[in-house]
Amino acid sequence: MKSFVFQSTFVSLLAWITLTCALPQAENTSGTVTAKARAATSTARSNTVAKAAGKLYFGSATDNPFLNEDATYKAILSDNTLFGQLSPENAMKWDATEPEQGVFTFTNGDAIVALAQANGQLMRGHNTVWGSQLPSWVSDSGFDNATLISVMQNHVSTVIGHYKGDIWDVVNEPFNDDGTFASNVFFETIGSSYIDLALQAARAADPNAKLYINDFGIEGEGAKATAMANLVSDLKARGIPIDGIGLESHFILGEIPTTLQAQMEAFTALGVEVAVTELDIRMTLPETDALLAQQQTDYQTVISACTAVPDCVGVCVALYSWVPGTFAGQGDADPWDENLEMKPAYDGIIAGFTS
């Protein structure tokens, strides 16, 4: 999704969320009704109303190719009444920042940070330790325990040290759907303590940063949400730094968990904040007015849940979607259409913050 104020995927589903390691594609709604007939009606500004509701931001994920090639997109993204936070989808991940061991490159991440600074927007750092989008020198290295710990600590320290700020997704998607730890090079080599070590390295690199663990499928009751709660409770009990839980929130139309608000409250009761980090709500195409109306309701439901929970600090969406390239026949997941026009879902967002 991701300063100088620094705010943060869906591997199994490829997420904010992360979405995917492939270049995200613009939405293709392929509907038969004109875009005008399906436009939002609200003139309110999403970040303005989010802040009025007591949130820190309403934000968007972004990626460098869109910033470099689409002036209209860049202008919308730069409007800080719409978006108060940016989250880089790919520019700060391991394969982008340390493609060769000890060789760091920050060009793309720096460009997004510069844009946010120019617009007075917050940023979310996303992410330092994840089992996907790793260069082969990490994933296929065969490093022993001590060596991989050193490699990981150096990566976290260098990247977060370069991008000091407010919030970082330090560990991304550590769980399987059944609540067991996801199999990746870090877990298989180091064990679950890789999470402790990554968080400790992040705190040492930036004592003032908010440190998050980010995952999908934890938005309602279930084994995965329970595993996240148990992990955070254990980390806090042992004095390991953890400040927040990121709920990626990649939803299917009409299937928002009924326990969403209660789950947010359960997480914040552990003494951490939460954020909706990669929100999208996909539908089976072609879109219809009825589907768009349901999507509007679903967006309102999610935003209302965050609004009702004081320690839900913000929500991040996107202007384009990874969904059509991943789920055949599905898409139209975001509040903006392929022409970068606000959809009825945008009205749901405004209503969620204001009603």
Protein backbone atom coordinates (compact mmCIF):
# COMPACT_ATOMS: atom_id res chain seq x y z
CA MET A 1 0.00 0.00 0.00
CA LYS A 2 3.90 2.03 3.02
CA SER A 3 7.47 8.87 5.02
CA PHE A 4 8.39 11.36 6.98
CA VAL A 5 5.35 10.40 8.21
CA PHE A 6 5.37 6.68 7.48
CA GLN A 7 2.25 4.63 7.61
CA SER A 8 1.40 -0.14 5.60
CA THR A 9 -0.76 -8.69 1.24
CA PHE A 10 -2.33 -11.39 -0.08
CA VAL A 11 0.13 -14.01 -1.10
CA SER A 12 -2.33 -16.82 -1.00
CA LEU A 13 -4.76 -14.23 -2.36
CA LEU A 14 -1.87 -11.94 -3.24
CA ALA A 15 -2.18 -8.77 -1.43
CA TRP A 16 -3.12 -4.75 0.13
CA ILE A 17 -3.12 -4.66 -0.04
CA THR A 18 -0.32 -7.18 -1.60
CA LEU A 19 -1.33 -7.24 -3.73
CA THR A 20 0.73 -8.99 -6.38
CA CYS A 21 4.31 -9.07 -7.49
CA ALA A 22 3.03 -8.51 -11.01
CA LEU A 23 2.20 -4.98 -12.12
CA PRO A 24 -1.39 -4.24 -11.02
CA GLN A 25 -3.83 -3.70 -13.85
CA ALA A 26 -6.50 -1.03 -14.14
CA GLU A 27 -10.05 -2.20 -13.52
CA ASN A 28 -12.04 -3.46 -16.48
CA THR A 29 -15.68 -3.32 -15.46
CA SER A 30 -16.97 -4.31 -18.91
CA GLY A 31 -20.48 -3.22 -18.04
CA THR A 32 -23.21 -2.07 -20.40
CA VAL A 33 -24.54 0.92 -18.47
CA THR A 34 -22.70 4.22 -18.91
CA ALA A 35 -20.17 5.23 -16.29
CA LYS A 36 -22.20 8.40 -15.64
CA ALA A 37 -25.24 6.33 -14.65
CA ARG A 38 -23.09 4.55 -12.11
CA ALA A 39 -21.23 7.51 -10.68
CA ALA A 40 -21.01 8.54 -7.05
CA THR A 41 -23.21 11.44 -6.01
CA SER A 42 -21.36 12.66 -2.93
CA THR A 43 -19.23 15.78 -3.21
CA ALA A 44 -17.59 15.18 0.18
CA ARG A 45 -13.86 14.42 0.27
CA SER A 46 -12.88 11.06 1.69
CA ASN A 47 -9.79 12.08 3.67
CA THR A 48 -11.49 15.19 4.99
CA VAL A 49 -14.44 13.22 6.35
CA ALA A 50 -12.18 10.46 7.70
CA LYS A 51 -10.23 12.97 9.75
CA ALA A 52 -13.46 14.63 10.91
CA ALA A 53 -14.52 11.17 12.13
CA GLY A 54 -11.37 10.96 14.27
CA LYS A 55 -9.23 8.85 11.93
CA LEU A 56 -5.66 9.65 10.95
CA TYR A 57 -6.22 9.21 7.23
CA PHE A 58 -8.08 7.74 4.30
CA GLY A 59 -5.38 6.49 1.97
CA SER A 60 -4.48 4.72 -1.24
CA ALA A 61 -1.98 2.15 -2.38
CA THR A 62 0.19 3.21 -5.31
CA ASP A 63 2.93 1.95 -7.60
CA ASN A 64 5.60 3.73 -9.63
CA PRO A 65 4.53 2.80 -13.18
CA PHE A 66 1.16 4.48 -12.68
CA LEU A 67 2.77 7.56 -11.18
CA ASN A 68 5.20 7.79 -14.08
CA GLU A 69 2.75 7.15 -16.92
CA ASP A 70 -0.68 8.52 -15.96
CA ALA A 71 -0.96 12.23 -15.19
CA THR A 72 -4.67 12.01 -14.33
CA TYR A 73 -4.02 9.22 -11.86
CA LYS A 74 -1.17 11.14 -10.27
CA ALA A 75 -3.32 14.26 -9.91
CA ILE A 76 -6.10 12.35 -8.15
CA LEU A 77 -3.64 10.55 -5.90
CA SER A 78 -2.02 13.87 -5.00
CA ASP A 79 -5.29 15.40 -3.77
CA ASN A 80 -4.87 15.34 -0.01
CA THR A 81 -8.55 16.01 0.56
CA LEU A 82 -9.17 12.60 -1.00
CA PHE A 83 -6.09 10.74 0.24
CA GLY A 84 -4.13 11.55 3.36
CA GLN A 85 -1.80 8.56 3.19
CA LEU A 86 0.04 6.59 0.51
CA SER A 87 1.19 2.98 0.68
CA PRO A 88 3.71 1.68 -1.88
CA GLU A 89 2.62 -1.70 -3.18
CA ASN A 90 6.00 -2.89 -4.42
CA ALA A 91 8.67 -0.20 -4.12
CA MET A 92 9.72 -1.04 -0.56
CA LYS A 93 9.54 -4.82 -0.66
CA TRP A 94 12.68 -6.91 -0.41
CA ASP A 95 13.12 -7.66 -4.11
CA ALA A 96 12.86 -3.95 -4.87
CA THR A 97 15.10 -2.63 -2.10
CA GLU A 98 17.84 -5.29 -1.82
CA PRO A 99 17.91 -7.22 -5.12
CA GLU A 100 21.49 -8.30 -4.44
CA GLN A 101 22.90 -9.02 -1.01
CA GLY A 102 24.08 -5.81 0.58
CA VAL A 103 23.16 -3.74 -2.49
CA PHE A 104 20.26 -1.45 -1.61
CA THR A 105 18.23 0.67 -3.99
CA PHE A 106 15.64 3.19 -2.85
CA THR A 107 14.88 5.11 -6.05
CA ASN A 108 11.26 4.03 -6.50
CA GLY A 109 10.42 4.26 -2.82
CA ASP A 110 12.02 7.69 -2.59
CA ALA A 111 9.86 8.90 -5.48
CA ILE A 112 6.66 7.92 -3.66
CA VAL A 113 7.89 9.48 -0.44
CA ALA A 114 8.74 12.71 -2.27
CA LEU A 115 5.23 12.84 -3.73
CA ALA A 116 3.65 12.32 -0.32
CA GLN A 117 5.85 14.97 1.27
CA ALA A 118 5.00 17.46 -1.47
CA ASN A 119 1.30 16.86 -0.87
CA GLY A 120 1.42 16.79 2.93
CA GLN A 121 0.40 13.12 2.98
CA LEU A 122 1.38 10.38 5.40
CA MET A 123 3.10 7.21 4.21
CA ARG A 124 2.91 3.61 5.28
CA GLY A 125 6.02 1.48 4.86
CA HIS A 126 5.17 -1.87 3.26
CA ASN A 127 6.90 -4.28 3.98
CA THR A 128 10.20 -5.60 5.28
CA VAL A 129 9.73 -9.34 5.98
CA TRP A 130 7.41 -11.48 3.85
CA GLY A 131 7.71 -14.92 2.32
CA SER A 132 6.98 -13.60 -1.18
CA GLN A 133 8.68 -11.17 -3.54
CA LEU A 134 12.07 -12.21 -2.24
CA PRO A 135 15.14 -12.21 -4.47
CA SER A 136 16.49 -15.68 -5.09
CA TRP A 137 19.60 -14.93 -3.08
CA VAL A 138 17.32 -14.97 -0.02
CA SER A 139 14.66 -17.53 -0.90
CA ASP A 140 17.02 -20.09 -2.44
CA SER A 141 20.17 -19.34 -0.49
CA GLY A 142 20.25 -22.25 1.91
CA PHE A 143 21.49 -19.88 4.64
CA ASP A 144 21.84 -21.43 8.07
CA ASN A 145 19.94 -20.02 11.03
CA ALA A 146 22.56 -17.55 12.21
CA THR A 147 23.30 -16.25 8.72
CA LEU A 148 19.65 -15.72 7.78
CA ILE A 149 19.02 -13.92 11.07
CA SER A 150 21.89 -11.57 10.30
CA VAL A 151 20.68 -11.04 6.72
CA MET A 152 17.13 -10.31 7.87
CA GLN A 153 18.18 -7.96 10.65
CA ASN A 154 20.44 -6.04 8.30
CA HIS A 155 17.66 -5.71 5.73
CA VAL A 156 15.09 -4.49 8.25
CA SER A 157 17.53 -2.09 9.88
CA THR A 158 18.72 -0.61 6.58
CA VAL A 159 15.30 -0.17 4.97
CA ILE A 160 13.50 1.19 8.02
CA GLY A 161 16.54 3.28 8.88
CA HIS A 162 16.32 4.86 5.43
CA TYR A 163 12.56 5.40 5.67
CA LYS A 164 12.07 6.57 9.22
CA GLY A 165 8.55 7.63 9.96
CA ASP A 166 5.27 6.72 11.49
CA ILE A 167 4.03 3.23 10.56
CA TRP A 168 5.61 0.11 9.04
CA ASP A 169 4.25 -3.28 8.06
CA VAL A 170 7.27 -5.07 9.46
CA VAL A 171 6.00 -8.64 9.07
CA ASN A 172 3.54 -9.46 6.29
CA GLU A 173 1.17 -12.44 6.12
CA PRO A 174 2.76 -14.76 8.70
CA PHE A 175 -0.20 -17.18 8.95
CA ASN A 176 -1.97 -19.86 6.97
CA ASP A 177 -5.77 -19.86 6.92
CA ASP A 178 -5.88 -22.52 9.65
CA GLY A 179 -3.82 -20.37 12.01
CA THR A 180 -0.54 -22.22 11.62
CA PHE A 181 2.55 -20.29 10.63
CA ALA A 182 3.00 -19.86 6.89
CA SER A 183 5.86 -21.84 5.44
CA ASN A 184 8.55 -19.51 4.15
CA VAL A 185 12.32 -19.30 4.27
CA PHE A 186 12.26 -17.34 7.52
CA PHE A 187 9.94 -19.69 9.42
CA GLU A 188 11.57 -22.84 8.06
CA THR A 189 15.08 -21.65 8.94
CA ILE A 190 14.65 -19.50 12.04
CA GLY A 191 11.29 -20.60 13.41
CA SER A 192 8.55 -18.29 14.66
CA SER A 193 11.14 -16.19 16.48
CA TYR A 194 11.87 -14.51 13.13
CA ILE A 195 8.88 -12.30 13.95
CA ASP A 196 10.40 -11.24 17.28
CA LEU A 197 13.75 -10.54 15.68
CA ALA A 198 12.28 -8.51 12.82
CA LEU A 199 10.22 -6.36 15.18
CA GLN A 200 13.19 -5.80 17.47
CA ALA A 201 15.38 -4.77 14.54
CA ALA A 202 12.67 -2.39 13.35
CA ARG A 203 12.37 -0.77 16.77
CA ALA A 204 16.13 -0.33 17.00
CA ALA A 205 16.21 1.26 13.53
CA ASP A 206 13.39 3.69 14.31
CA PRO A 207 12.30 3.96 17.96
CA ASN A 208 9.39 6.21 17.00
CA ALA A 209 7.84 4.06 14.28
CA LYS A 210 4.54 2.25 14.74
CA LEU A 211 5.26 -1.41 14.03
CA TYR A 212 2.56 -3.59 12.46
CA ILE A 213 1.93 -7.18 11.50
CA ASN A 214 -0.29 -7.29 8.40
CA ASP A 215 -2.45 -10.17 7.14
CA PHE A 216 -5.64 -11.12 5.29
CA GLY A 217 -8.45 -13.37 6.49
CA ILE A 218 -8.32 -12.02 10.05
CA GLU A 219 -11.23 -9.60 9.67
CA GLY A 220 -13.78 -11.90 11.34
CA GLU A 221 -13.84 -14.74 13.84
CA GLY A 222 -11.81 -17.79 12.91
CA ALA A 223 -8.61 -19.72 13.42
CA LYS A 224 -6.45 -17.18 11.65
CA ALA A 225 -7.78 -14.23 13.66
CA THR A 226 -7.31 -16.23 16.86
CA ALA A 227 -3.72 -17.02 15.88
CA MET A 228 -3.02 -13.33 15.26
CA ALA A 229 -4.53 -12.37 18.61
CA ASN A 230 -2.51 -15.03 20.41
CA LEU A 231 0.69 -13.93 18.68
CA VAL A 232 0.20 -10.27 19.55
CA SER A 233 -0.73 -11.11 23.14
CA ASP A 234 2.40 -13.25 23.47
CA LEU A 235 4.62 -10.58 21.90
CA LYS A 236 3.36 -7.95 24.30
CA ALA A 237 3.72 -10.27 27.30
CA ARG A 238 7.37 -10.84 26.40
CA GLY A 239 8.13 -7.18 25.73
CA ILE A 240 8.56 -7.57 21.97
CA PRO A 241 7.60 -4.30 20.26
CA ILE A 242 4.25 -4.45 18.42
CA ASP A 243 1.96 -1.48 17.92
CA GLY A 244 -0.65 -2.49 15.38
CA ILE A 245 -2.44 -5.12 13.33
CA GLY A 246 -3.17 -4.52 9.66
CA LEU A 247 -6.40 -6.04 8.35
CA GLU A 248 -5.92 -6.34 4.60
CA SER A 249 -9.66 -6.70 3.97
CA HIS A 250 -9.84 -8.26 0.52
CA PHE A 251 -13.55 -9.07 0.44
CA ILE A 252 -16.06 -10.73 -1.87
CA LEU A 253 -19.26 -8.83 -2.60
CA GLY A 254 -21.95 -9.52 -0.02
CA GLU A 255 -19.59 -11.44 2.26
CA ILE A 256 -18.34 -8.87 4.76
CA PRO A 257 -17.83 -10.69 8.08
CA THR A 258 -20.64 -9.94 10.50
CA THR A 259 -18.06 -9.93 13.29
CA LEU A 260 -15.80 -7.32 11.65
CA GLN A 261 -16.30 -4.58 14.24
CA ALA A 262 -16.14 -7.07 17.10
CA GLN A 263 -12.87 -8.46 15.74
CA MET A 264 -11.38 -4.98 15.50
CA GLU A 265 -12.43 -4.38 19.10
CA ALA A 266 -10.92 -7.70 20.20
CA PHE A 267 -7.60 -6.79 18.61
CA THR A 268 -7.50 -3.29 20.08
CA ALA A 269 -8.33 -4.74 23.51
CA LEU A 270 -4.86 -6.32 23.35
CA GLY A 271 -3.35 -2.84 23.54
CA VAL A 272 -2.62 -2.27 19.86
CA GLU A 273 -4.21 -0.18 17.13
CA VAL A 274 -5.67 -1.56 13.92
CA ALA A 275 -5.93 -0.30 10.35
CA VAL A 276 -7.76 -1.47 7.25
CA THR A 277 -4.76 -1.68 4.96
CA GLU A 278 -5.77 -3.02 1.52
CA LEU A 279 -9.55 -2.72 1.22
CA ASP A 280 -11.25 -3.96 -1.93
CA ILE A 281 -14.56 -5.73 -2.57
CA ARG A 282 -14.65 -7.78 -5.76
CA MET A 283 -17.67 -8.89 -7.76
CA THR A 284 -18.42 -11.30 -10.59
CA LEU A 285 -18.49 -9.41 -13.88
CA PRO A 286 -20.23 -7.88 -15.69
CA GLU A 287 -21.26 -5.31 -13.13
CA THR A 288 -24.91 -4.39 -12.73
CA ASP A 289 -26.66 -1.63 -10.85
CA ALA A 290 -27.71 -4.17 -8.23
CA LEU A 291 -24.13 -5.35 -7.75
CA LEU A 292 -22.87 -1.79 -7.46
CA ALA A 293 -25.57 -1.04 -4.90
CA GLN A 294 -24.46 -4.05 -2.84
CA GLN A 295 -20.86 -2.92 -3.15
CA GLN A 296 -21.83 0.53 -1.90
CA THR A 297 -23.48 -1.09 1.12
CA ASP A 298 -20.45 -3.30 1.74
CA TYR A 299 -18.01 -0.39 1.63
CA GLN A 300 -20.21 1.50 4.06
CA THR A 301 -20.26 -1.51 6.39
CA VAL A 302 -16.47 -1.74 6.50
CA ILE A 303 -15.93 1.99 6.96
CA SER A 304 -18.63 2.15 9.63
CA ALA A 305 -16.89 -0.60 11.58
CA CYS A 306 -13.60 1.29 11.56
CA THR A 307 -15.35 4.53 12.44
CA ALA A 308 -16.97 2.89 15.46
CA VAL A 309 -13.66 1.60 16.85
CA PRO A 310 -11.55 4.45 18.28
CA ASP A 311 -8.26 2.64 17.74
CA CYS A 312 -8.96 1.82 14.10
CA VAL A 313 -6.75 4.59 12.79
CA GLY A 314 -7.45 4.58 9.06
CA VAL A 315 -8.44 2.86 5.84
CA CYS A 316 -6.47 2.34 2.63
CA VAL A 317 -7.96 1.46 -0.78
CA ALA A 318 -6.61 1.65 -4.35
CA LEU A 319 -7.47 3.43 -7.58
CA TYR A 320 -6.73 0.32 -9.67
CA SER A 321 -7.04 -3.38 -9.02
CA TRP A 322 -5.01 -6.57 -9.02
CA VAL A 323 -8.21 -8.66 -9.00
CA PRO A 324 -8.90 -9.18 -12.76
CA GLY A 325 -5.41 -10.55 -13.28
CA THR A 326 -5.82 -13.04 -10.44
CA PHE A 327 -9.49 -14.10 -10.39
CA ALA A 328 -10.90 -14.79 -13.85
CA GLY A 329 -14.28 -13.17 -14.40
CA GLN A 330 -14.06 -11.01 -11.29
CA GLY A 331 -13.09 -7.41 -10.71
CA ASP A 332 -14.55 -3.93 -10.26
CA ALA A 333 -13.28 -4.14 -6.70
CA ASP A 334 -12.29 -0.54 -6.03
CA PRO A 335 -14.21 2.70 -5.35
CA TRP A 336 -12.98 4.22 -8.63
CA ASP A 337 -13.69 2.75 -12.08
CA GLU A 338 -11.32 2.19 -15.00
CA ASN A 339 -11.80 5.80 -16.06
CA LEU A 340 -10.83 6.97 -12.56
CA GLU A 341 -14.40 8.09 -11.89
CA MET A 342 -15.90 7.65 -8.43
CA LYS A 343 -18.37 4.76 -8.23
CA PRO A 344 -21.35 4.36 -5.87
CA ALA A 345 -18.90 2.61 -3.52
CA TYR A 346 -17.45 6.05 -2.84
CA ASP A 347 -20.83 7.17 -1.51
CA GLY A 348 -20.70 4.17 0.82
CA ILE A 349 -17.30 5.30 2.10
CA ILE A 350 -18.56 8.80 2.85
CA ALA A 351 -21.67 7.42 4.56
CA GLY A 352 -19.54 5.07 6.65
CA PHE A 353 -17.52 7.96 8.03
CA THR A 354 -20.46 10.31 8.58
CA SER A 355 -23.53 8.30 9.58
